[in-house]
Amino acid sequence: MNEKAVALPDDLPGFVQESDFKSIDWDKKAVEFGDRGIIGNSNKSGVIGVEMPSLNTQKWMWHVWGIEEGRDNQLTIVGYHKNSNTIHSILVNGWNIGLSGSVNGADAHAPSNVKVPKPGDWAILLYTNGNYFDTLIYDITE
């Protein structure tokens, strides 16, 4: 197992902990569920658009279940590249986006533009309002 230290970027939100990356289960790959092409962890979190080539800027629609509805919910998205042990903001505009109301059966959603910096296995860690929420495991090849 790779025990190399994870370097946390200086601008990473303070509530993101190094231990969050050590507990990633790489075998728990995201799967397609529902009838809208959402790829993620069934009835927890998922994305529409992740199957598109994402090494160039791409639009992804984030979906989360099991959170209180409310306009002030923030979703923080942290990308972790397995092979290089590096952390990246995959959102084009920083680490956070605001969540909107329910759609496609999810309790909240948010459209965003993402750019994945390199191909490989990615763990996308999601935080809602500063609390760890879920991890999505994607293999992004193009």
N, C-alpha and C. Protein backbone atom coordinates (compact mmCIF):
# COMPACT_ATOMS: atom_id res chain seq x y z
N MET A 1 0.85 -1.19 0.00
CA MET A 1 0.00 0.00 0.00
C MET A 1 0.89 1.25 0.00
N ASN A 2 0.42 2.26 -0.67
CA ASN A 2 1.18 3.50 -0.79
C ASN A 2 0.93 4.37 0.44
N GLU A 3 1.93 4.55 1.26
CA GLU A 3 1.79 5.33 2.48
C GLU A 3 2.43 6.72 2.36
N LYS A 4 2.67 7.16 1.14
CA LYS A 4 3.25 8.47 0.91
C LYS A 4 2.33 9.55 1.50
N ALA A 5 2.92 10.56 2.09
CA ALA A 5 2.11 11.63 2.68
C ALA A 5 1.36 12.38 1.59
N VAL A 6 0.18 12.82 1.95
CA VAL A 6 -0.65 13.62 1.05
C VAL A 6 -0.34 15.08 1.32
N ALA A 7 0.06 15.80 0.27
CA ALA A 7 0.34 17.23 0.44
C ALA A 7 -0.96 18.01 0.26
N LEU A 8 -1.37 18.70 1.31
CA LEU A 8 -2.61 19.48 1.25
C LEU A 8 -2.31 20.85 0.64
N PRO A 9 -3.01 21.23 -0.42
CA PRO A 9 -2.78 22.56 -1.01
C PRO A 9 -3.07 23.67 0.01
N ASP A 10 -2.34 24.77 -0.12
CA ASP A 10 -2.49 25.88 0.82
C ASP A 10 -3.90 26.45 0.85
N ASP A 11 -4.59 26.44 -0.29
CA ASP A 11 -5.91 27.07 -0.34
C ASP A 11 -7.04 26.07 -0.05
N LEU A 12 -6.69 24.84 0.32
CA LEU A 12 -7.71 23.84 0.64
C LEU A 12 -8.49 24.27 1.87
N PRO A 13 -9.83 24.13 1.86
CA PRO A 13 -10.60 24.51 3.05
C PRO A 13 -10.09 23.77 4.29
N GLY A 14 -10.07 24.45 5.41
CA GLY A 14 -9.48 23.94 6.63
C GLY A 14 -10.13 22.69 7.20
N PHE A 15 -11.41 22.45 6.87
CA PHE A 15 -12.10 21.28 7.42
C PHE A 15 -11.72 19.99 6.69
N VAL A 16 -11.02 20.07 5.57
CA VAL A 16 -10.57 18.87 4.85
C VAL A 16 -9.32 18.35 5.56
N GLN A 17 -9.35 17.08 5.98
CA GLN A 17 -8.27 16.51 6.78
C GLN A 17 -7.50 15.47 5.97
N GLU A 18 -6.20 15.33 6.27
CA GLU A 18 -5.38 14.32 5.61
C GLU A 18 -5.96 12.93 5.82
N SER A 19 -6.55 12.68 6.98
CA SER A 19 -7.13 11.36 7.28
C SER A 19 -8.28 11.02 6.33
N ASP A 20 -8.95 12.03 5.77
CA ASP A 20 -10.03 11.77 4.81
C ASP A 20 -9.51 11.00 3.61
N PHE A 21 -8.28 11.26 3.21
CA PHE A 21 -7.70 10.63 2.03
C PHE A 21 -7.18 9.23 2.34
N LYS A 22 -6.75 9.01 3.58
CA LYS A 22 -6.24 7.69 3.96
C LYS A 22 -7.35 6.65 4.05
N SER A 23 -8.59 7.10 4.23
CA SER A 23 -9.71 6.17 4.42
C SER A 23 -10.46 5.87 3.11
N ILE A 24 -9.92 6.28 1.98
CA ILE A 24 -10.59 6.05 0.69
C ILE A 24 -10.63 4.55 0.37
N ASP A 25 -11.80 4.06 0.01
CA ASP A 25 -11.96 2.67 -0.43
C ASP A 25 -12.00 2.68 -1.96
N TRP A 26 -10.85 2.40 -2.57
CA TRP A 26 -10.72 2.48 -4.03
C TRP A 26 -11.53 1.41 -4.75
N ASP A 27 -11.96 0.39 -4.04
CA ASP A 27 -12.75 -0.68 -4.67
C ASP A 27 -14.22 -0.31 -4.77
N LYS A 28 -14.63 0.76 -4.11
CA LYS A 28 -16.03 1.17 -4.11
C LYS A 28 -16.29 2.14 -5.27
N LYS A 29 -16.18 1.60 -6.50
CA LYS A 29 -16.32 2.44 -7.70
C LYS A 29 -17.75 2.97 -7.83
N ALA A 30 -17.86 4.16 -8.36
CA ALA A 30 -19.17 4.74 -8.64
C ALA A 30 -19.86 3.91 -9.72
N VAL A 31 -21.19 3.78 -9.60
CA VAL A 31 -21.98 3.03 -10.56
C VAL A 31 -23.15 3.88 -11.03
N GLU A 32 -23.68 3.52 -12.20
CA GLU A 32 -24.85 4.23 -12.70
C GLU A 32 -26.08 3.72 -11.97
N PHE A 33 -26.95 4.64 -11.57
CA PHE A 33 -28.20 4.25 -10.90
C PHE A 33 -29.31 5.19 -11.33
N GLY A 34 -30.56 4.76 -11.09
CA GLY A 34 -31.71 5.56 -11.49
C GLY A 34 -31.86 5.57 -13.00
N ASP A 35 -32.76 6.41 -13.49
CA ASP A 35 -33.04 6.43 -14.93
C ASP A 35 -32.56 7.72 -15.59
N ARG A 36 -31.67 8.46 -14.93
CA ARG A 36 -31.19 9.74 -15.46
C ARG A 36 -29.71 9.71 -15.80
N GLY A 37 -29.07 8.55 -15.71
CA GLY A 37 -27.65 8.48 -16.04
C GLY A 37 -26.75 9.05 -14.95
N ILE A 38 -27.23 9.04 -13.71
CA ILE A 38 -26.41 9.51 -12.59
C ILE A 38 -25.41 8.42 -12.25
N ILE A 39 -24.13 8.80 -12.12
CA ILE A 39 -23.08 7.85 -11.78
C ILE A 39 -22.51 8.24 -10.42
N GLY A 40 -22.63 7.32 -9.46
CA GLY A 40 -22.17 7.63 -8.12
C GLY A 40 -22.48 6.51 -7.16
N ASN A 41 -22.84 6.89 -5.92
CA ASN A 41 -23.21 5.96 -4.87
C ASN A 41 -24.72 6.08 -4.68
N SER A 42 -25.44 5.03 -4.99
CA SER A 42 -26.90 5.05 -5.07
C SER A 42 -27.55 5.72 -3.86
N ASN A 43 -28.39 6.72 -4.16
CA ASN A 43 -29.17 7.45 -3.17
C ASN A 43 -28.33 8.12 -2.09
N LYS A 44 -27.06 8.44 -2.43
CA LYS A 44 -26.18 9.21 -1.54
C LYS A 44 -25.62 10.42 -2.30
N SER A 45 -24.87 10.14 -3.39
CA SER A 45 -24.37 11.23 -4.22
C SER A 45 -24.03 10.69 -5.60
N GLY A 46 -24.04 11.59 -6.58
CA GLY A 46 -23.70 11.18 -7.93
C GLY A 46 -23.65 12.35 -8.88
N VAL A 47 -23.20 12.06 -10.10
CA VAL A 47 -22.96 13.10 -11.09
C VAL A 47 -23.56 12.68 -12.44
N ILE A 48 -24.18 13.63 -13.10
CA ILE A 48 -24.51 13.47 -14.52
C ILE A 48 -23.43 14.23 -15.28
N GLY A 49 -22.78 13.56 -16.24
CA GLY A 49 -21.76 14.21 -17.05
C GLY A 49 -20.38 13.62 -16.86
N VAL A 50 -20.20 12.80 -15.82
CA VAL A 50 -18.86 12.27 -15.52
C VAL A 50 -18.39 11.32 -16.62
N GLU A 51 -19.31 10.75 -17.39
CA GLU A 51 -18.91 9.83 -18.46
C GLU A 51 -18.41 10.56 -19.70
N MET A 52 -18.55 11.86 -19.73
CA MET A 52 -18.07 12.65 -20.86
C MET A 52 -16.56 12.88 -20.69
N PRO A 53 -15.83 13.12 -21.80
CA PRO A 53 -14.40 13.43 -21.66
C PRO A 53 -14.22 14.67 -20.76
N SER A 54 -13.55 14.49 -19.65
CA SER A 54 -13.50 15.54 -18.63
C SER A 54 -12.12 16.13 -18.42
N LEU A 55 -11.15 15.74 -19.26
CA LEU A 55 -9.83 16.35 -19.16
C LEU A 55 -9.85 17.74 -19.78
N ASN A 56 -10.87 18.02 -20.60
CA ASN A 56 -11.17 19.37 -21.03
C ASN A 56 -12.35 19.83 -20.19
N THR A 57 -12.57 21.13 -20.11
CA THR A 57 -13.67 21.62 -19.28
C THR A 57 -14.98 20.98 -19.71
N GLN A 58 -15.73 20.52 -18.72
CA GLN A 58 -16.97 19.79 -18.95
C GLN A 58 -17.99 20.23 -17.91
N LYS A 59 -19.26 20.13 -18.28
CA LYS A 59 -20.33 20.45 -17.33
C LYS A 59 -20.75 19.17 -16.61
N TRP A 60 -20.72 19.22 -15.28
CA TRP A 60 -21.20 18.12 -14.45
C TRP A 60 -22.34 18.64 -13.59
N MET A 61 -23.36 17.78 -13.36
CA MET A 61 -24.46 18.10 -12.46
C MET A 61 -24.35 17.18 -11.24
N TRP A 62 -24.06 17.80 -10.11
CA TRP A 62 -23.89 17.07 -8.84
C TRP A 62 -25.26 16.85 -8.23
N HIS A 63 -25.46 15.67 -7.63
CA HIS A 63 -26.71 15.33 -6.94
C HIS A 63 -26.35 14.77 -5.57
N VAL A 64 -27.07 15.19 -4.53
CA VAL A 64 -26.87 14.63 -3.19
C VAL A 64 -28.23 14.32 -2.56
N TRP A 65 -28.23 13.25 -1.79
CA TRP A 65 -29.41 12.80 -1.07
C TRP A 65 -29.13 12.87 0.42
N GLY A 66 -30.19 13.02 1.21
CA GLY A 66 -30.06 12.92 2.66
C GLY A 66 -29.54 14.17 3.34
N ILE A 67 -29.73 15.32 2.71
CA ILE A 67 -29.37 16.57 3.39
C ILE A 67 -30.63 17.41 3.54
N GLU A 68 -30.62 18.28 4.51
CA GLU A 68 -31.74 19.19 4.71
C GLU A 68 -31.80 20.15 3.53
N GLU A 69 -32.99 20.36 3.04
CA GLU A 69 -33.11 21.31 1.95
C GLU A 69 -32.92 22.72 2.50
N GLY A 70 -32.28 23.54 1.75
CA GLY A 70 -32.06 24.91 2.18
C GLY A 70 -31.12 25.61 1.22
N ARG A 71 -31.35 26.89 1.05
CA ARG A 71 -30.58 27.64 0.06
C ARG A 71 -29.12 27.81 0.45
N ASP A 72 -28.80 27.70 1.73
CA ASP A 72 -27.45 28.05 2.17
C ASP A 72 -26.49 26.87 2.16
N ASN A 73 -26.92 25.72 1.65
CA ASN A 73 -26.03 24.56 1.64
C ASN A 73 -24.90 24.76 0.63
N GLN A 74 -23.68 24.51 1.12
CA GLN A 74 -22.49 24.59 0.28
C GLN A 74 -21.96 23.18 0.04
N LEU A 75 -21.58 22.90 -1.19
CA LEU A 75 -20.94 21.64 -1.53
C LEU A 75 -19.48 21.94 -1.84
N THR A 76 -18.58 21.28 -1.11
CA THR A 76 -17.15 21.42 -1.36
C THR A 76 -16.70 20.15 -2.06
N ILE A 77 -15.96 20.31 -3.16
CA ILE A 77 -15.57 19.19 -4.01
C ILE A 77 -14.04 19.15 -4.09
N VAL A 78 -13.47 18.04 -3.63
CA VAL A 78 -12.01 17.89 -3.57
C VAL A 78 -11.63 16.65 -4.37
N GLY A 79 -10.80 16.84 -5.40
CA GLY A 79 -10.35 15.72 -6.21
C GLY A 79 -9.02 15.19 -5.73
N TYR A 80 -8.91 13.87 -5.64
CA TYR A 80 -7.66 13.23 -5.21
C TYR A 80 -7.24 12.22 -6.28
N HIS A 81 -6.07 12.45 -6.88
CA HIS A 81 -5.55 11.58 -7.94
C HIS A 81 -4.71 10.48 -7.30
N LYS A 82 -5.13 9.23 -7.50
CA LYS A 82 -4.52 8.09 -6.80
C LYS A 82 -3.04 7.92 -7.14
N ASN A 83 -2.69 7.90 -8.41
CA ASN A 83 -1.32 7.57 -8.80
C ASN A 83 -0.30 8.61 -8.36
N SER A 84 -0.67 9.88 -8.41
CA SER A 84 0.28 10.93 -8.05
C SER A 84 0.16 11.37 -6.60
N ASN A 85 -0.89 10.85 -5.89
CA ASN A 85 -1.09 11.25 -4.49
C ASN A 85 -1.28 12.75 -4.35
N THR A 86 -1.95 13.36 -5.31
CA THR A 86 -2.11 14.81 -5.28
C THR A 86 -3.58 15.20 -5.20
N ILE A 87 -3.80 16.36 -4.59
CA ILE A 87 -5.14 16.90 -4.38
C ILE A 87 -5.34 18.06 -5.35
N HIS A 88 -6.51 18.10 -5.96
CA HIS A 88 -6.81 19.14 -6.95
C HIS A 88 -8.22 19.67 -6.76
N SER A 89 -8.38 20.93 -7.06
CA SER A 89 -9.72 21.48 -7.22
C SER A 89 -10.13 21.16 -8.65
N ILE A 90 -11.16 20.33 -8.82
CA ILE A 90 -11.60 20.02 -10.18
C ILE A 90 -12.68 20.99 -10.65
N LEU A 91 -13.26 21.76 -9.73
CA LEU A 91 -14.18 22.81 -10.14
C LEU A 91 -13.37 23.92 -10.80
N VAL A 92 -13.90 24.47 -11.87
CA VAL A 92 -13.19 25.53 -12.58
C VAL A 92 -13.03 26.77 -11.69
N ASN A 93 -13.98 27.00 -10.79
CA ASN A 93 -13.99 28.22 -9.97
C ASN A 93 -13.79 27.94 -8.49
N GLY A 94 -12.77 27.20 -8.10
CA GLY A 94 -12.49 27.03 -6.68
C GLY A 94 -12.96 25.70 -6.12
N TRP A 95 -13.21 25.67 -4.81
CA TRP A 95 -13.52 24.42 -4.11
C TRP A 95 -15.01 24.24 -3.86
N ASN A 96 -15.78 25.33 -3.83
CA ASN A 96 -17.17 25.28 -3.37
C ASN A 96 -18.17 25.73 -4.41
N ILE A 97 -19.36 25.10 -4.33
CA ILE A 97 -20.51 25.58 -5.09
C ILE A 97 -21.73 25.51 -4.18
N GLY A 98 -22.68 26.39 -4.45
CA GLY A 98 -23.93 26.37 -3.69
C GLY A 98 -24.86 25.31 -4.24
N LEU A 99 -25.58 24.65 -3.34
CA LEU A 99 -26.56 23.64 -3.76
C LEU A 99 -27.92 24.29 -3.95
N SER A 100 -28.63 23.82 -4.96
CA SER A 100 -30.00 24.24 -5.21
C SER A 100 -30.94 23.11 -4.79
N GLY A 101 -32.22 23.30 -5.04
CA GLY A 101 -33.25 22.37 -4.58
C GLY A 101 -33.21 21.00 -5.24
N SER A 102 -34.24 20.23 -4.96
CA SER A 102 -34.30 18.84 -5.41
C SER A 102 -34.50 18.76 -6.92
N VAL A 103 -33.90 17.71 -7.52
CA VAL A 103 -34.06 17.42 -8.94
C VAL A 103 -33.65 15.97 -9.17
N ASN A 104 -34.24 15.31 -10.14
CA ASN A 104 -33.91 13.93 -10.50
C ASN A 104 -33.96 12.98 -9.30
N GLY A 105 -34.82 13.27 -8.32
CA GLY A 105 -34.95 12.43 -7.14
C GLY A 105 -34.00 12.77 -6.01
N ALA A 106 -32.98 13.58 -6.28
CA ALA A 106 -32.02 13.98 -5.23
C ALA A 106 -32.60 15.11 -4.39
N ASP A 107 -32.12 15.22 -3.16
CA ASP A 107 -32.58 16.30 -2.27
C ASP A 107 -32.02 17.66 -2.66
N ALA A 108 -30.85 17.66 -3.31
CA ALA A 108 -30.23 18.92 -3.74
C ALA A 108 -29.34 18.63 -4.94
N HIS A 109 -29.06 19.67 -5.71
CA HIS A 109 -28.20 19.50 -6.88
C HIS A 109 -27.44 20.80 -7.13
N ALA A 110 -26.41 20.70 -7.97
CA ALA A 110 -25.66 21.87 -8.37
C ALA A 110 -24.99 21.61 -9.71
N PRO A 111 -25.23 22.48 -10.69
CA PRO A 111 -24.46 22.37 -11.93
C PRO A 111 -23.10 23.04 -11.74
N SER A 112 -22.10 22.53 -12.45
CA SER A 112 -20.77 23.14 -12.33
C SER A 112 -19.97 22.86 -13.60
N ASN A 113 -18.91 23.62 -13.77
CA ASN A 113 -17.92 23.31 -14.79
C ASN A 113 -16.71 22.70 -14.07
N VAL A 114 -16.24 21.57 -14.60
CA VAL A 114 -15.10 20.90 -14.01
C VAL A 114 -14.02 20.70 -15.06
N LYS A 115 -12.79 20.61 -14.58
CA LYS A 115 -11.67 20.24 -15.44
C LYS A 115 -10.78 19.31 -14.63
N VAL A 116 -10.71 18.07 -15.08
CA VAL A 116 -9.88 17.07 -14.40
C VAL A 116 -8.48 17.18 -14.98
N PRO A 117 -7.45 17.42 -14.14
CA PRO A 117 -6.12 17.74 -14.66
C PRO A 117 -5.37 16.61 -15.33
N LYS A 118 -5.67 15.34 -14.98
CA LYS A 118 -4.94 14.24 -15.61
C LYS A 118 -5.77 12.97 -15.53
N PRO A 119 -5.52 12.03 -16.45
CA PRO A 119 -6.28 10.78 -16.42
C PRO A 119 -5.86 9.90 -15.26
N GLY A 120 -6.74 8.96 -14.92
CA GLY A 120 -6.43 7.99 -13.88
C GLY A 120 -7.59 7.77 -12.94
N ASP A 121 -7.29 7.11 -11.82
CA ASP A 121 -8.28 6.87 -10.78
C ASP A 121 -8.39 8.10 -9.91
N TRP A 122 -9.62 8.56 -9.70
CA TRP A 122 -9.89 9.74 -8.90
C TRP A 122 -10.86 9.41 -7.78
N ALA A 123 -10.58 9.94 -6.61
CA ALA A 123 -11.55 9.96 -5.51
C ALA A 123 -12.03 11.40 -5.42
N ILE A 124 -13.33 11.59 -5.55
CA ILE A 124 -13.91 12.92 -5.44
C ILE A 124 -14.58 12.98 -4.07
N LEU A 125 -13.96 13.73 -3.15
CA LEU A 125 -14.50 13.84 -1.79
C LEU A 125 -15.48 15.00 -1.74
N LEU A 126 -16.65 14.73 -1.20
CA LEU A 126 -17.71 15.74 -1.10
C LEU A 126 -17.93 16.10 0.36
N TYR A 127 -18.07 17.40 0.60
CA TYR A 127 -18.36 17.92 1.93
C TYR A 127 -19.56 18.84 1.80
N THR A 128 -20.50 18.73 2.74
CA THR A 128 -21.61 19.66 2.76
C THR A 128 -21.47 20.53 4.00
N ASN A 129 -21.48 21.82 3.78
CA ASN A 129 -21.38 22.81 4.87
C ASN A 129 -20.23 22.49 5.82
N GLY A 130 -19.09 22.07 5.26
CA GLY A 130 -17.90 21.85 6.06
C GLY A 130 -17.80 20.49 6.72
N ASN A 131 -18.72 19.58 6.42
CA ASN A 131 -18.68 18.24 6.99
C ASN A 131 -18.50 17.21 5.89
N TYR A 132 -17.65 16.20 6.15
CA TYR A 132 -17.46 15.14 5.16
C TYR A 132 -18.82 14.51 4.86
N PHE A 133 -19.07 14.24 3.57
CA PHE A 133 -20.36 13.69 3.16
C PHE A 133 -20.23 12.35 2.44
N ASP A 134 -19.38 12.28 1.41
CA ASP A 134 -19.29 11.05 0.63
C ASP A 134 -18.04 11.12 -0.25
N THR A 135 -17.65 9.96 -0.79
CA THR A 135 -16.54 9.88 -1.74
C THR A 135 -17.01 9.14 -2.98
N LEU A 136 -16.75 9.73 -4.13
CA LEU A 136 -17.07 9.13 -5.42
C LEU A 136 -15.77 8.66 -6.06
N ILE A 137 -15.71 7.41 -6.50
CA ILE A 137 -14.52 6.85 -7.13
C ILE A 137 -14.77 6.73 -8.64
N TYR A 138 -14.00 7.46 -9.41
CA TYR A 138 -14.14 7.46 -10.88
C TYR A 138 -12.80 7.12 -11.53
N ASP A 139 -12.87 6.41 -12.64
CA ASP A 139 -11.70 6.19 -13.50
C ASP A 139 -11.90 7.09 -14.70
N ILE A 140 -11.11 8.15 -14.78
CA ILE A 140 -11.26 9.16 -15.84
C ILE A 140 -10.10 9.00 -16.80
N THR A 141 -10.42 8.62 -18.03
CA THR A 141 -9.35 8.28 -18.98
C THR A 141 -9.20 9.29 -20.09
N GLU A 142 -10.21 10.14 -20.31
CA GLU A 142 -10.07 11.10 -21.41
C GLU A 142 -10.71 12.44 -21.07
